Amino acid sequence: MAVYVISVAAELAGVHPQTLRIYERKGLLGPARTLGGSRRYSDEDIDVLRRIQDLTAAGLNLEGVRRVIELEAEVDRLRQELAEARAEARAAVDQVHRHYRRELVPLDMSPVRWLPQR
């Protein structure tokens, strides 16, 4: 929920409000807007601001920061997709195993006894 005005968000992130406007122009941040057009920042936006600060402190320029954030989002999406695929595969394997268990008959209960060739 976007609740922080730009000055509060800037203070929480440890930057100048103008920096937030620059980040928004560069596409790094997309705050919500009120009907009057004022920016409102959420806790998630503050986390993104802190991540941007960490990356710029590590020496990345804003384009590099944008790309890193984009790639991190892609990795998160792929991890979620992988977890869902694993769960589906596990469910499919379990279903096959349940199906096989119904069809298997113990050897001593088999109608025709199998004996190896000598």
PDB file of N, CA and C in Angstrom:
ATOM      1  N   MET A   1       0.853  -1.179   0.000  1.00  0.00           N
ATOM      2  CA  MET A   1       0.000   0.000   0.000  1.00  0.00           C
ATOM      3  C   MET A   1       0.895   1.236   0.000  1.00  0.00           C
ATOM      4  N   ALA A   2       0.668   2.112  -0.937  1.00  0.00           N
ATOM      5  CA  ALA A   2       1.475   3.317  -1.088  1.00  0.00           C
ATOM      6  C   ALA A   2       0.983   4.391  -0.117  1.00  0.00           C
ATOM      7  N   VAL A   3       1.801   4.691   0.882  1.00  0.00           N
ATOM      8  CA  VAL A   3       1.364   5.638   1.912  1.00  0.00           C
ATOM      9  C   VAL A   3       2.338   6.792   2.150  1.00  0.00           C
ATOM     10  N   TYR A   4       3.593   6.648   1.735  1.00  0.00           N
ATOM     11  CA  TYR A   4       4.598   7.659   2.051  1.00  0.00           C
ATOM     12  C   TYR A   4       4.659   8.738   0.974  1.00  0.00           C
ATOM     13  N   VAL A   5       4.684  10.012   1.417  1.00  0.00           N
ATOM     14  CA  VAL A   5       4.907  11.109   0.477  1.00  0.00           C
ATOM     15  C   VAL A   5       6.387  11.125   0.121  1.00  0.00           C
ATOM     16  N   ILE A   6       6.752  11.864  -0.899  1.00  0.00           N
ATOM     17  CA  ILE A   6       8.107  11.814  -1.432  1.00  0.00           C
ATOM     18  C   ILE A   6       9.162  12.199  -0.395  1.00  0.00           C
ATOM     19  N   SER A   7       8.861  13.184   0.448  1.00  0.00           N
ATOM     20  CA  SER A   7       9.863  13.614   1.430  1.00  0.00           C
ATOM     21  C   SER A   7      10.122  12.526   2.471  1.00  0.00           C
ATOM     22  N   VAL A   8       9.080  11.838   2.895  1.00  0.00           N
ATOM     23  CA  VAL A   8       9.233  10.763   3.877  1.00  0.00           C
ATOM     24  C   VAL A   8       9.958   9.583   3.241  1.00  0.00           C
ATOM     25  N   ALA A   9       9.592   9.234   2.017  1.00  0.00           N
ATOM     26  CA  ALA A   9      10.248   8.126   1.327  1.00  0.00           C
ATOM     27  C   ALA A   9      11.732   8.425   1.132  1.00  0.00           C
ATOM     28  N   ALA A  10      12.046   9.648   0.761  1.00  0.00           N
ATOM     29  CA  ALA A  10      13.443  10.029   0.571  1.00  0.00           C
ATOM     30  C   ALA A  10      14.215   9.920   1.876  1.00  0.00           C
ATOM     31  N   GLU A  11      13.616  10.348   2.955  1.00  0.00           N
ATOM     32  CA  GLU A  11      14.274  10.267   4.262  1.00  0.00           C
ATOM     33  C   GLU A  11      14.484   8.812   4.679  1.00  0.00           C
ATOM     34  N   LEU A  12      13.477   7.990   4.474  1.00  0.00           N
ATOM     35  CA  LEU A  12      13.598   6.570   4.831  1.00  0.00           C
ATOM     36  C   LEU A  12      14.697   5.877   4.026  1.00  0.00           C
ATOM     37  N   ALA A  13      14.870   6.293   2.777  1.00  0.00           N
ATOM     38  CA  ALA A  13      15.883   5.674   1.916  1.00  0.00           C
ATOM     39  C   ALA A  13      17.235   6.368   2.038  1.00  0.00           C
ATOM     40  N   GLY A  14      17.267   7.511   2.685  1.00  0.00           N
ATOM     41  CA  GLY A  14      18.523   8.226   2.865  1.00  0.00           C
ATOM     42  C   GLY A  14      18.996   8.973   1.624  1.00  0.00           C
ATOM     43  N   VAL A  15      18.039   9.452   0.825  1.00  0.00           N
ATOM     44  CA  VAL A  15      18.386  10.205  -0.379  1.00  0.00           C
ATOM     45  C   VAL A  15      17.585  11.501  -0.427  1.00  0.00           C
ATOM     46  N   HIS A  16      17.928  12.355  -1.385  1.00  0.00           N
ATOM     47  CA  HIS A  16      17.213  13.614  -1.588  1.00  0.00           C
ATOM     48  C   HIS A  16      15.952  13.337  -2.406  1.00  0.00           C
ATOM     49  N   PRO A  17      14.855  14.072  -2.165  1.00  0.00           N
ATOM     50  CA  PRO A  17      13.635  13.849  -2.951  1.00  0.00           C
ATOM     51  C   PRO A  17      13.857  13.964  -4.463  1.00  0.00           C
ATOM     52  N   GLN A  18      14.772  14.838  -4.880  1.00  0.00           N
ATOM     53  CA  GLN A  18      15.052  14.974  -6.307  1.00  0.00           C
ATOM     54  C   GLN A  18      15.615  13.659  -6.881  1.00  0.00           C
ATOM     55  N   THR A  19      16.348  12.939  -6.060  1.00  0.00           N
ATOM     56  CA  THR A  19      16.898  11.649  -6.487  1.00  0.00           C
ATOM     57  C   THR A  19      15.771  10.675  -6.819  1.00  0.00           C
ATOM     58  N   LEU A  20      14.702  10.711  -6.046  1.00  0.00           N
ATOM     59  CA  LEU A  20      13.555   9.834  -6.315  1.00  0.00           C
ATOM     60  C   LEU A  20      12.915  10.192  -7.656  1.00  0.00           C
ATOM     61  N   ARG A  21      12.847  11.472  -7.951  1.00  0.00           N
ATOM     62  CA  ARG A  21      12.294  11.892  -9.237  1.00  0.00           C
ATOM     63  C   ARG A  21      13.175  11.405 -10.390  1.00  0.00           C
ATOM     64  N   ILE A  22      14.485  11.461 -10.198  1.00  0.00           N
ATOM     65  CA  ILE A  22      15.414  10.978 -11.224  1.00  0.00           C
ATOM     66  C   ILE A  22      15.229   9.479 -11.421  1.00  0.00           C
ATOM     67  N   TYR A  23      15.149   8.740 -10.327  1.00  0.00           N
ATOM     68  CA  TYR A  23      14.952   7.294 -10.414  1.00  0.00           C
ATOM     69  C   TYR A  23      13.663   6.977 -11.167  1.00  0.00           C
ATOM     70  N   GLU A  24      12.630   7.749 -10.918  1.00  0.00           N
ATOM     71  CA  GLU A  24      11.361   7.525 -11.599  1.00  0.00           C
ATOM     72  C   GLU A  24      11.505   7.813 -13.101  1.00  0.00           C
ATOM     73  N   ARG A  25      12.175   8.893 -13.456  1.00  0.00           N
ATOM     74  CA  ARG A  25      12.392   9.229 -14.874  1.00  0.00           C
ATOM     75  C   ARG A  25      13.202   8.145 -15.590  1.00  0.00           C
ATOM     76  N   LYS A  26      14.155   7.540 -14.878  1.00  0.00           N
ATOM     77  CA  LYS A  26      14.992   6.489 -15.460  1.00  0.00           C
ATOM     78  C   LYS A  26      14.296   5.131 -15.485  1.00  0.00           C
ATOM     79  N   GLY A  27      13.099   5.041 -14.907  1.00  0.00           N
ATOM     80  CA  GLY A  27      12.349   3.795 -14.928  1.00  0.00           C
ATOM     81  C   GLY A  27      12.727   2.817 -13.827  1.00  0.00           C
ATOM     82  N   LEU A  28      13.451   3.286 -12.827  1.00  0.00           N
ATOM     83  CA  LEU A  28      13.860   2.411 -11.726  1.00  0.00           C
ATOM     84  C   LEU A  28      12.773   2.261 -10.670  1.00  0.00           C
ATOM     85  N   LEU A  29      11.858   3.189 -10.663  1.00  0.00           N
ATOM     86  CA  LEU A  29      10.862   3.253  -9.606  1.00  0.00           C
ATOM     87  C   LEU A  29       9.547   3.716 -10.212  1.00  0.00           C
ATOM     88  N   GLY A  30       8.450   3.189  -9.743  1.00  0.00           N
ATOM     89  CA  GLY A  30       7.141   3.595 -10.247  1.00  0.00           C
ATOM     90  C   GLY A  30       6.163   3.810  -9.115  1.00  0.00           C
ATOM     91  N   PRO A  31       6.248   4.937  -8.422  1.00  0.00           N
ATOM     92  CA  PRO A  31       5.349   5.148  -7.286  1.00  0.00           C
ATOM     93  C   PRO A  31       3.899   5.309  -7.738  1.00  0.00           C
ATOM     94  N   ALA A  32       2.996   5.047  -6.833  1.00  0.00           N
ATOM     95  CA  ALA A  32       1.575   5.259  -7.103  1.00  0.00           C
ATOM     96  C   ALA A  32       1.321   6.764  -7.125  1.00  0.00           C
ATOM     97  N   ARG A  33       0.222   7.141  -7.697  1.00  0.00           N
ATOM     98  CA  ARG A  33      -0.151   8.557  -7.758  1.00  0.00           C
ATOM     99  C   ARG A  33      -1.540   8.739  -7.158  1.00  0.00           C
ATOM    100  N   THR A  34      -1.711   9.866  -6.481  1.00  0.00           N
ATOM    101  CA  THR A  34      -3.038  10.216  -5.981  1.00  0.00           C
ATOM    102  C   THR A  34      -3.831  10.810  -7.135  1.00  0.00           C
ATOM    103  N   LEU A  35      -5.108  11.089  -6.912  1.00  0.00           N
ATOM    104  CA  LEU A  35      -5.919  11.721  -7.953  1.00  0.00           C
ATOM    105  C   LEU A  35      -5.357  13.087  -8.327  1.00  0.00           C
ATOM    106  N   GLY A  36      -4.715  13.759  -7.377  1.00  0.00           N
ATOM    107  CA  GLY A  36      -4.110  15.060  -7.635  1.00  0.00           C
ATOM    108  C   GLY A  36      -2.739  14.964  -8.289  1.00  0.00           C
ATOM    109  N   GLY A  37      -2.206  13.747  -8.444  1.00  0.00           N
ATOM    110  CA  GLY A  37      -0.929  13.555  -9.108  1.00  0.00           C
ATOM    111  C   GLY A  37       0.275  13.463  -8.182  1.00  0.00           C
ATOM    112  N   SER A  38       0.058  13.519  -6.884  1.00  0.00           N
ATOM    113  CA  SER A  38       1.175  13.414  -5.933  1.00  0.00           C
ATOM    114  C   SER A  38       1.675  11.981  -5.871  1.00  0.00           C
ATOM    115  N   ARG A  39       2.971  11.851  -5.712  1.00  0.00           N
ATOM    116  CA  ARG A  39       3.575  10.510  -5.605  1.00  0.00           C
ATOM    117  C   ARG A  39       3.326   9.933  -4.219  1.00  0.00           C
ATOM    118  N   ARG A  40       3.073   8.625  -4.187  1.00  0.00           N
ATOM    119  CA  ARG A  40       2.945   7.902  -2.923  1.00  0.00           C
ATOM    120  C   ARG A  40       3.790   6.643  -3.037  1.00  0.00           C
ATOM    121  N   TYR A  41       4.619   6.414  -2.029  1.00  0.00           N
ATOM    122  CA  TYR A  41       5.556   5.297  -2.036  1.00  0.00           C
ATOM    123  C   TYR A  41       5.130   4.247  -1.022  1.00  0.00           C
ATOM    124  N   SER A  42       5.328   2.990  -1.381  1.00  0.00           N
ATOM    125  CA  SER A  42       4.986   1.862  -0.510  1.00  0.00           C
ATOM    126  C   SER A  42       6.252   1.352   0.175  1.00  0.00           C
ATOM    127  N   ASP A  43       6.074   0.412   1.086  1.00  0.00           N
ATOM    128  CA  ASP A  43       7.229  -0.233   1.723  1.00  0.00           C
ATOM    129  C   ASP A  43       8.076  -0.960   0.684  1.00  0.00           C
ATOM    130  N   GLU A  44       7.419  -1.541  -0.312  1.00  0.00           N
ATOM    131  CA  GLU A  44       8.150  -2.212  -1.392  1.00  0.00           C
ATOM    132  C   GLU A  44       8.998  -1.199  -2.172  1.00  0.00           C
ATOM    133  N   ASP A  45       8.438  -0.016  -2.417  1.00  0.00           N
ATOM    134  CA  ASP A  45       9.210   1.045  -3.090  1.00  0.00           C
ATOM    135  C   ASP A  45      10.434   1.441  -2.263  1.00  0.00           C
ATOM    136  N   ILE A  46      10.269   1.496  -0.961  1.00  0.00           N
ATOM    137  CA  ILE A  46      11.389   1.848  -0.072  1.00  0.00           C
ATOM    138  C   ILE A  46      12.462   0.768  -0.159  1.00  0.00           C
ATOM    139  N   ASP A  47      12.053  -0.502  -0.205  1.00  0.00           N
ATOM    140  CA  ASP A  47      13.020  -1.598  -0.360  1.00  0.00           C
ATOM    141  C   ASP A  47      13.778  -1.476  -1.677  1.00  0.00           C
ATOM    142  N   VAL A  48      13.075  -1.126  -2.746  1.00  0.00           N
ATOM    143  CA  VAL A  48      13.723  -0.930  -4.047  1.00  0.00           C
ATOM    144  C   VAL A  48      14.716   0.232  -3.962  1.00  0.00           C
ATOM    145  N   LEU A  49      14.324   1.299  -3.300  1.00  0.00           N
ATOM    146  CA  LEU A  49      15.229   2.445  -3.127  1.00  0.00           C
ATOM    147  C   LEU A  49      16.499   2.040  -2.396  1.00  0.00           C
ATOM    148  N   ARG A  50      16.352   1.249  -1.374  1.00  0.00           N
ATOM    149  CA  ARG A  50      17.528   0.789  -0.629  1.00  0.00           C
ATOM    150  C   ARG A  50      18.412  -0.116  -1.496  1.00  0.00           C
ATOM    151  N   ARG A  51      17.779  -0.947  -2.317  1.00  0.00           N
ATOM    152  CA  ARG A  51      18.548  -1.802  -3.233  1.00  0.00           C
ATOM    153  C   ARG A  51      19.311  -0.950  -4.242  1.00  0.00           C
ATOM    154  N   ILE A  52      18.656   0.084  -4.756  1.00  0.00           N
ATOM    155  CA  ILE A  52      19.315   1.001  -5.693  1.00  0.00           C
ATOM    156  C   ILE A  52      20.514   1.653  -5.020  1.00  0.00           C
ATOM    157  N   GLN A  53      20.338   2.069  -3.782  1.00  0.00           N
ATOM    158  CA  GLN A  53      21.440   2.699  -3.043  1.00  0.00           C
ATOM    159  C   GLN A  53      22.604   1.722  -2.876  1.00  0.00           C
ATOM    160  N   ASP A  54      22.298   0.478  -2.548  1.00  0.00           N
ATOM    161  CA  ASP A  54      23.355  -0.536  -2.389  1.00  0.00           C
ATOM    162  C   ASP A  54      24.125  -0.733  -3.689  1.00  0.00           C
ATOM    163  N   LEU A  55      23.385  -0.813  -4.794  1.00  0.00           N
ATOM    164  CA  LEU A  55      24.032  -1.063  -6.085  1.00  0.00           C
ATOM    165  C   LEU A  55      24.855   0.130  -6.559  1.00  0.00           C
ATOM    166  N   THR A  56      24.350   1.334  -6.349  1.00  0.00           N
ATOM    167  CA  THR A  56      25.126   2.507  -6.754  1.00  0.00           C
ATOM    168  C   THR A  56      26.350   2.673  -5.864  1.00  0.00           C
ATOM    169  N   ALA A  57      26.217   2.313  -4.590  1.00  0.00           N
ATOM    170  CA  ALA A  57      27.376   2.365  -3.692  1.00  0.00           C
ATOM    171  C   ALA A  57      28.434   1.350  -4.104  1.00  0.00           C
ATOM    172  N   ALA A  58      28.010   0.271  -4.767  1.00  0.00           N
ATOM    173  CA  ALA A  58      28.942  -0.745  -5.242  1.00  0.00           C
ATOM    174  C   ALA A  58      29.592  -0.342  -6.565  1.00  0.00           C
ATOM    175  N   GLY A  59      29.177   0.793  -7.117  1.00  0.00           N
ATOM    176  CA  GLY A  59      29.828   1.317  -8.312  1.00  0.00           C
ATOM    177  C   GLY A  59      29.031   1.223  -9.598  1.00  0.00           C
ATOM    178  N   LEU A  60      27.800   0.732  -9.545  1.00  0.00           N
ATOM    179  CA  LEU A  60      27.004   0.634 -10.767  1.00  0.00           C
ATOM    180  C   LEU A  60      26.381   1.983 -11.116  1.00  0.00           C
ATOM    181  N   ASN A  61      26.271   2.240 -12.413  1.00  0.00           N
ATOM    182  CA  ASN A  61      25.528   3.433 -12.832  1.00  0.00           C
ATOM    183  C   ASN A  61      24.049   3.083 -12.869  1.00  0.00           C
ATOM    184  N   LEU A  62      23.198   4.074 -13.149  1.00  0.00           N
ATOM    185  CA  LEU A  62      21.755   3.833 -13.068  1.00  0.00           C
ATOM    186  C   LEU A  62      21.263   2.833 -14.106  1.00  0.00           C
ATOM    187  N   GLU A  63      21.878   2.806 -15.280  1.00  0.00           N
ATOM    188  CA  GLU A  63      21.495   1.805 -16.278  1.00  0.00           C
ATOM    189  C   GLU A  63      21.868   0.405 -15.793  1.00  0.00           C
ATOM    190  N   GLY A  64      23.021   0.272 -15.170  1.00  0.00           N
ATOM    191  CA  GLY A  64      23.424  -1.007 -14.600  1.00  0.00           C
ATOM    192  C   GLY A  64      22.490  -1.433 -13.486  1.00  0.00           C
ATOM    193  N   VAL A  65      22.095  -0.483 -12.663  1.00  0.00           N
ATOM    194  CA  VAL A  65      21.146  -0.770 -11.574  1.00  0.00           C
ATOM    195  C   VAL A  65      19.818  -1.247 -12.156  1.00  0.00           C
ATOM    196  N   ARG A  66      19.337  -0.552 -13.201  1.00  0.00           N
ATOM    197  CA  ARG A  66      18.073  -0.943 -13.826  1.00  0.00           C
ATOM    198  C   ARG A  66      18.151  -2.377 -14.338  1.00  0.00           C
ATOM    199  N   ARG A  67      19.276  -2.710 -14.978  1.00  0.00           N
ATOM    200  CA  ARG A  67      19.453  -4.052 -15.535  1.00  0.00           C
ATOM    201  C   ARG A  67      19.538  -5.106 -14.434  1.00  0.00           C
ATOM    202  N   VAL A  68      20.253  -4.817 -13.362  1.00  0.00           N
ATOM    203  CA  VAL A  68      20.362  -5.766 -12.237  1.00  0.00           C
ATOM    204  C   VAL A  68      18.996  -6.015 -11.618  1.00  0.00           C
ATOM    205  N   ILE A  69      18.232  -4.963 -11.398  1.00  0.00           N
ATOM    206  CA  ILE A  69      16.899  -5.113 -10.803  1.00  0.00           C
ATOM    207  C   ILE A  69      15.995  -5.920 -11.734  1.00  0.00           C
ATOM    208  N   GLU A  70      16.101  -5.655 -13.028  1.00  0.00           N
ATOM    209  CA  GLU A  70      15.338  -6.400 -14.024  1.00  0.00           C
ATOM    210  C   GLU A  70      15.705  -7.891 -13.981  1.00  0.00           C
ATOM    211  N   LEU A  71      16.993  -8.181 -13.915  1.00  0.00           N
ATOM    212  CA  LEU A  71      17.452  -9.573 -13.879  1.00  0.00           C
ATOM    213  C   LEU A  71      17.057 -10.263 -12.573  1.00  0.00           C
ATOM    214  N   GLU A  72      17.118  -9.540 -11.463  1.00  0.00           N
ATOM    215  CA  GLU A  72      16.695 -10.124 -10.186  1.00  0.00           C
ATOM    216  C   GLU A  72      15.214 -10.488 -10.225  1.00  0.00           C
ATOM    217  N   ALA A  73      14.404  -9.636 -10.832  1.00  0.00           N
ATOM    218  CA  ALA A  73      12.974  -9.931 -10.960  1.00  0.00           C
ATOM    219  C   ALA A  73      12.762 -11.157 -11.836  1.00  0.00           C
ATOM    220  N   GLU A  74      13.555 -11.271 -12.907  1.00  0.00           N
ATOM    221  CA  GLU A  74      13.462 -12.433 -13.795  1.00  0.00           C
ATOM    222  C   GLU A  74      13.862 -13.713 -13.059  1.00  0.00           C
ATOM    223  N   VAL A  75      14.912 -13.652 -12.261  1.00  0.00           N
ATOM    224  CA  VAL A  75      15.344 -14.815 -11.483  1.00  0.00           C
ATOM    225  C   VAL A  75      14.247 -15.228 -10.498  1.00  0.00           C
ATOM    226  N   ASP A  76      13.641 -14.264  -9.830  1.00  0.00           N
ATOM    227  CA  ASP A  76      12.551 -14.580  -8.901  1.00  0.00           C
ATOM    228  C   ASP A  76      11.387 -15.245  -9.632  1.00  0.00           C
ATOM    229  N   ARG A  77      11.040 -14.719 -10.816  1.00  0.00           N
ATOM    230  CA  ARG A  77       9.947 -15.288 -11.600  1.00  0.00           C
ATOM    231  C   ARG A  77      10.279 -16.721 -12.018  1.00  0.00           C
ATOM    232  N   LEU A  78      11.510 -16.937 -12.451  1.00  0.00           N
ATOM    233  CA  LEU A  78      11.915 -18.277 -12.883  1.00  0.00           C
ATOM    234  C   LEU A  78      11.969 -19.256 -11.719  1.00  0.00           C
ATOM    235  N   ARG A  79      12.396 -18.798 -10.556  1.00  0.00           N
ATOM    236  CA  ARG A  79      12.398 -19.670  -9.377  1.00  0.00           C
ATOM    237  C   ARG A  79      10.986 -20.104  -9.024  1.00  0.00           C
ATOM    238  N   GLN A  80      10.052 -19.169  -9.094  1.00  0.00           N
ATOM    239  CA  GLN A  80       8.654 -19.498  -8.808  1.00  0.00           C
ATOM    240  C   GLN A  80       8.125 -20.487  -9.835  1.00  0.00           C
ATOM    241  N   GLU A  81       8.446 -20.252 -11.095  1.00  0.00           N
ATOM    242  CA  GLU A  81       8.020 -21.152 -12.165  1.00  0.00           C
ATOM    243  C   GLU A  81       8.610 -22.549 -11.965  1.00  0.00           C
ATOM    244  N   LEU A  82       9.876 -22.618 -11.582  1.00  0.00           N
ATOM    245  CA  LEU A  82      10.524 -23.902 -11.328  1.00  0.00           C
ATOM    246  C   LEU A  82       9.872 -24.626 -10.156  1.00  0.00           C
ATOM    247  N   ALA A  83       9.573 -23.906  -9.102  1.00  0.00           N
ATOM    248  CA  ALA A  83       8.924 -24.520  -7.943  1.00  0.00           C
ATOM    249  C   ALA A  83       7.561 -25.090  -8.335  1.00  0.00           C
ATOM    250  N   GLU A  84       6.811 -24.350  -9.164  1.00  0.00           N
ATOM    251  CA  GLU A  84       5.511 -24.847  -9.616  1.00  0.00           C
ATOM    252  C   GLU A  84       5.674 -26.084 -10.500  1.00  0.00           C
ATOM    253  N   ALA A  85       6.668 -26.062 -11.396  1.00  0.00           N
ATOM    254  CA  ALA A  85       6.901 -27.219 -12.268  1.00  0.00           C
ATOM    255  C   ALA A  85       7.309 -28.438 -11.453  1.00  0.00           C
ATOM    256  N   ARG A  86       8.156 -28.242 -10.445  1.00  0.00           N
ATOM    257  CA  ARG A  86       8.554 -29.360  -9.583  1.00  0.00           C
ATOM    258  C   ARG A  86       7.358 -29.934  -8.850  1.00  0.00           C
ATOM    259  N   ALA A  87       6.483 -29.067  -8.350  1.00  0.00           N
ATOM    260  CA  ALA A  87       5.299 -29.539  -7.635  1.00  0.00           C
ATOM    261  C   ALA A  87       4.387 -30.332  -8.573  1.00  0.00           C
ATOM    262  N   GLU A  88       4.219 -29.840  -9.803  1.00  0.00           N
ATOM    263  CA  GLU A  88       3.399 -30.562 -10.777  1.00  0.00           C
ATOM    264  C   GLU A  88       4.019 -31.921 -11.116  1.00  0.00           C
ATOM    265  N   ALA A  89       5.331 -31.947 -11.293  1.00  0.00           N
ATOM    266  CA  ALA A  89       6.020 -33.207 -11.608  1.00  0.00           C
ATOM    267  C   ALA A  89       5.895 -34.191 -10.451  1.00  0.00           C
ATOM    268  N   ARG A  90       6.069 -33.698  -9.237  1.00  0.00           N
ATOM    269  CA  ARG A  90       5.931 -34.557  -8.056  1.00  0.00           C
ATOM    270  C   ARG A  90       4.525 -35.135  -7.981  1.00  0.00           C
ATOM    271  N   ALA A  91       3.523 -34.319  -8.252  1.00  0.00           N
ATOM    272  CA  ALA A  91       2.135 -34.793  -8.214  1.00  0.00           C
ATOM    273  C   ALA A  91       1.896 -35.832  -9.306  1.00  0.00           C
ATOM    274  N   ALA A  92       2.475 -35.614 -10.497  1.00  0.00           N
ATOM    275  CA  ALA A  92       2.309 -36.575 -11.594  1.00  0.00           C
ATOM    276  C   ALA A  92       2.972 -37.902 -11.257  1.00  0.00           C
ATOM    277  N   VAL A  93       4.167 -37.867 -10.686  1.00  0.00           N
ATOM    278  CA  VAL A  93       4.865 -39.095 -10.296  1.00  0.00           C
ATOM    279  C   VAL A  93       4.071 -39.830  -9.223  1.00  0.00           C
ATOM    280  N   ASP A  94       3.579 -39.102  -8.247  1.00  0.00           N
ATOM    281  CA  ASP A  94       2.768 -39.726  -7.196  1.00  0.00           C
ATOM    282  C   ASP A  94       1.524 -40.393  -7.779  1.00  0.00           C
ATOM    283  N   GLN A  95       0.903 -39.739  -8.736  1.00  0.00           N
ATOM    284  CA  GLN A  95      -0.294 -40.312  -9.358  1.00  0.00           C
ATOM    285  C   GLN A  95       0.047 -41.597 -10.104  1.00  0.00           C
ATOM    286  N   VAL A  96       1.150 -41.604 -10.820  1.00  0.00           N
ATOM    287  CA  VAL A  96       1.574 -42.814 -11.541  1.00  0.00           C
ATOM    288  C   VAL A  96       1.876 -43.932 -10.553  1.00  0.00           C
ATOM    289  N   HIS A  97       2.557 -43.612  -9.472  1.00  0.00           N
ATOM    290  CA  HIS A  97       2.873 -44.626  -8.466  1.00  0.00           C
ATOM    291  C   HIS A  97       1.607 -45.202  -7.839  1.00  0.00           C
ATOM    292  N   ARG A  98       0.648 -44.354  -7.565  1.00  0.00           N
ATOM    293  CA  ARG A  98      -0.618 -44.858  -7.011  1.00  0.00           C
ATOM    294  C   ARG A  98      -1.304 -45.778  -8.014  1.00  0.00           C
ATOM    295  N   HIS A  99      -1.242 -45.428  -9.282  1.00  0.00           N
ATOM    296  CA  HIS A  99      -1.854 -46.242 -10.328  1.00  0.00           C
ATOM    297  C   HIS A  99      -1.178 -47.610 -10.415  1.00  0.00           C
ATOM    298  N   TYR A 100       0.150 -47.634 -10.364  1.00  0.00           N
ATOM    299  CA  TYR A 100       0.887 -48.899 -10.426  1.00  0.00           C
ATOM    300  C   TYR A 100       0.587 -49.783  -9.219  1.00  0.00           C
ATOM    301  N   ARG A 101       0.479 -49.209  -8.070  1.00  0.00           N
ATOM    302  CA  ARG A 101       0.237 -50.003  -6.856  1.00  0.00           C
ATOM    303  C   ARG A 101      -1.070 -50.774  -6.951  1.00  0.00           C
ATOM    304  N   ARG A 102      -2.045 -50.205  -7.631  1.00  0.00           N
ATOM    305  CA  ARG A 102      -3.325 -50.912  -7.759  1.00  0.00           C
ATOM    306  C   ARG A 102      -3.208 -52.112  -8.689  1.00  0.00           C
ATOM    307  N   GLU A 103      -2.307 -52.017  -9.678  1.00  0.00           N
ATOM    308  CA  GLU A 103      -2.195 -53.086 -10.666  1.00  0.00           C
ATOM    309  C   GLU A 103      -1.201 -54.174 -10.269  1.00  0.00           C
ATOM    310  N   LEU A 104      -0.330 -53.923  -9.351  1.00  0.00           N
ATOM    311  CA  LEU A 104       0.671 -54.912  -8.972  1.00  0.00           C
ATOM    312  C   LEU A 104       0.046 -55.982  -8.082  1.00  0.00           C
ATOM    313  N   VAL A 105       0.428 -57.194  -8.355  1.00  0.00           N
ATOM    314  CA  VAL A 105      -0.061 -58.336  -7.571  1.00  0.00           C
ATOM    315  C   VAL A 105       1.162 -59.036  -7.014  1.00  0.00           C
ATOM    316  N   PRO A 106       1.176 -59.338  -5.723  1.00  0.00           N
ATOM    317  CA  PRO A 106       2.319 -60.069  -5.169  1.00  0.00           C
ATOM    318  C   PRO A 106       2.483 -61.401  -5.886  1.00  0.00           C
ATOM    319  N   LEU A 107       3.722 -61.863  -6.033  1.00  0.00           N
ATOM    320  CA  LEU A 107       4.042 -63.078  -6.787  1.00  0.00           C
ATOM    321  C   LEU A 107       3.311 -64.297  -6.238  1.00  0.00           C
ATOM    322  N   ASP A 108       3.223 -64.415  -4.924  1.00  0.00           N
ATOM    323  CA  ASP A 108       2.572 -65.596  -4.361  1.00  0.00           C
ATOM    324  C   ASP A 108       1.059 -65.578  -4.574  1.00  0.00           C
ATOM    325  N   MET A 109       0.482 -64.464  -4.988  1.00  0.00           N
ATOM    326  CA  MET A 109      -0.944 -64.379  -5.264  1.00  0.00           C
ATOM    327  C   MET A 109      -1.223 -64.392  -6.772  1.00  0.00           C
ATOM    328  N   SER A 110      -0.191 -64.502  -7.571  1.00  0.00           N
ATOM    329  CA  SER A 110      -0.330 -64.475  -9.017  1.00  0.00           C
ATOM    330  C   SER A 110      -1.075 -65.720  -9.492  1.00  0.00           C
ATOM    331  N   PRO A 111      -1.989 -65.576 -10.475  1.00  0.00           N
ATOM    332  CA  PRO A 111      -2.714 -66.753 -10.962  1.00  0.00           C
ATOM    333  C   PRO A 111      -1.804 -67.731 -11.704  1.00  0.00           C
ATOM    334  N   VAL A 112      -0.758 -67.246 -12.320  1.00  0.00           N
ATOM    335  CA  VAL A 112       0.183 -68.119 -13.023  1.00  0.00           C
ATOM    336  C   VAL A 112       1.540 -67.910 -12.390  1.00  0.00           C
ATOM    337  N   ARG A 113       2.089 -68.976 -11.914  1.00  0.00           N
ATOM    338  CA  ARG A 113       3.389 -68.870 -11.245  1.00  0.00           C
ATOM    339  C   ARG A 113       4.476 -68.820 -12.296  1.00  0.00           C
ATOM    340  N   TRP A 114       5.360 -67.889 -12.140  1.00  0.00           N
ATOM    341  CA  TRP A 114       6.471 -67.733 -13.089  1.00  0.00           C
ATOM    342  C   TRP A 114       7.661 -68.480 -12.564  1.00  0.00           C
ATOM    343  N   LEU A 115       8.232 -69.271 -13.419  1.00  0.00           N
ATOM    344  CA  LEU A 115       9.452 -70.008 -13.048  1.00  0.00           C
ATOM    345  C   LEU A 115      10.503 -69.704 -14.076  1.00  0.00           C
ATOM    346  N   PRO A 116      11.707 -69.432 -13.627  1.00  0.00           N
ATOM    347  CA  PRO A 116      12.765 -69.106 -14.579  1.00  0.00           C
ATOM    348  C   PRO A 116      13.124 -70.316 -15.430  1.00  0.00           C
ATOM    349  N   GLN A 117      13.570 -70.074 -16.626  1.00  0.00           N
ATOM    350  CA  GLN A 117      14.027 -71.127 -17.541  1.00  0.00           C
ATOM    351  C   GLN A 117      15.342 -71.673 -17.039  1.00  0.00           C
ATOM    352  N   ARG A 118      15.565 -72.981 -17.119  1.00  0.00           N
ATOM    353  CA  ARG A 118      16.810 -73.590 -16.666  1.00  0.00           C
ATOM    354  C   ARG A 118      17.609 -74.070 -17.818  1.00  0.00           C
TER     355      ARG A 118
END
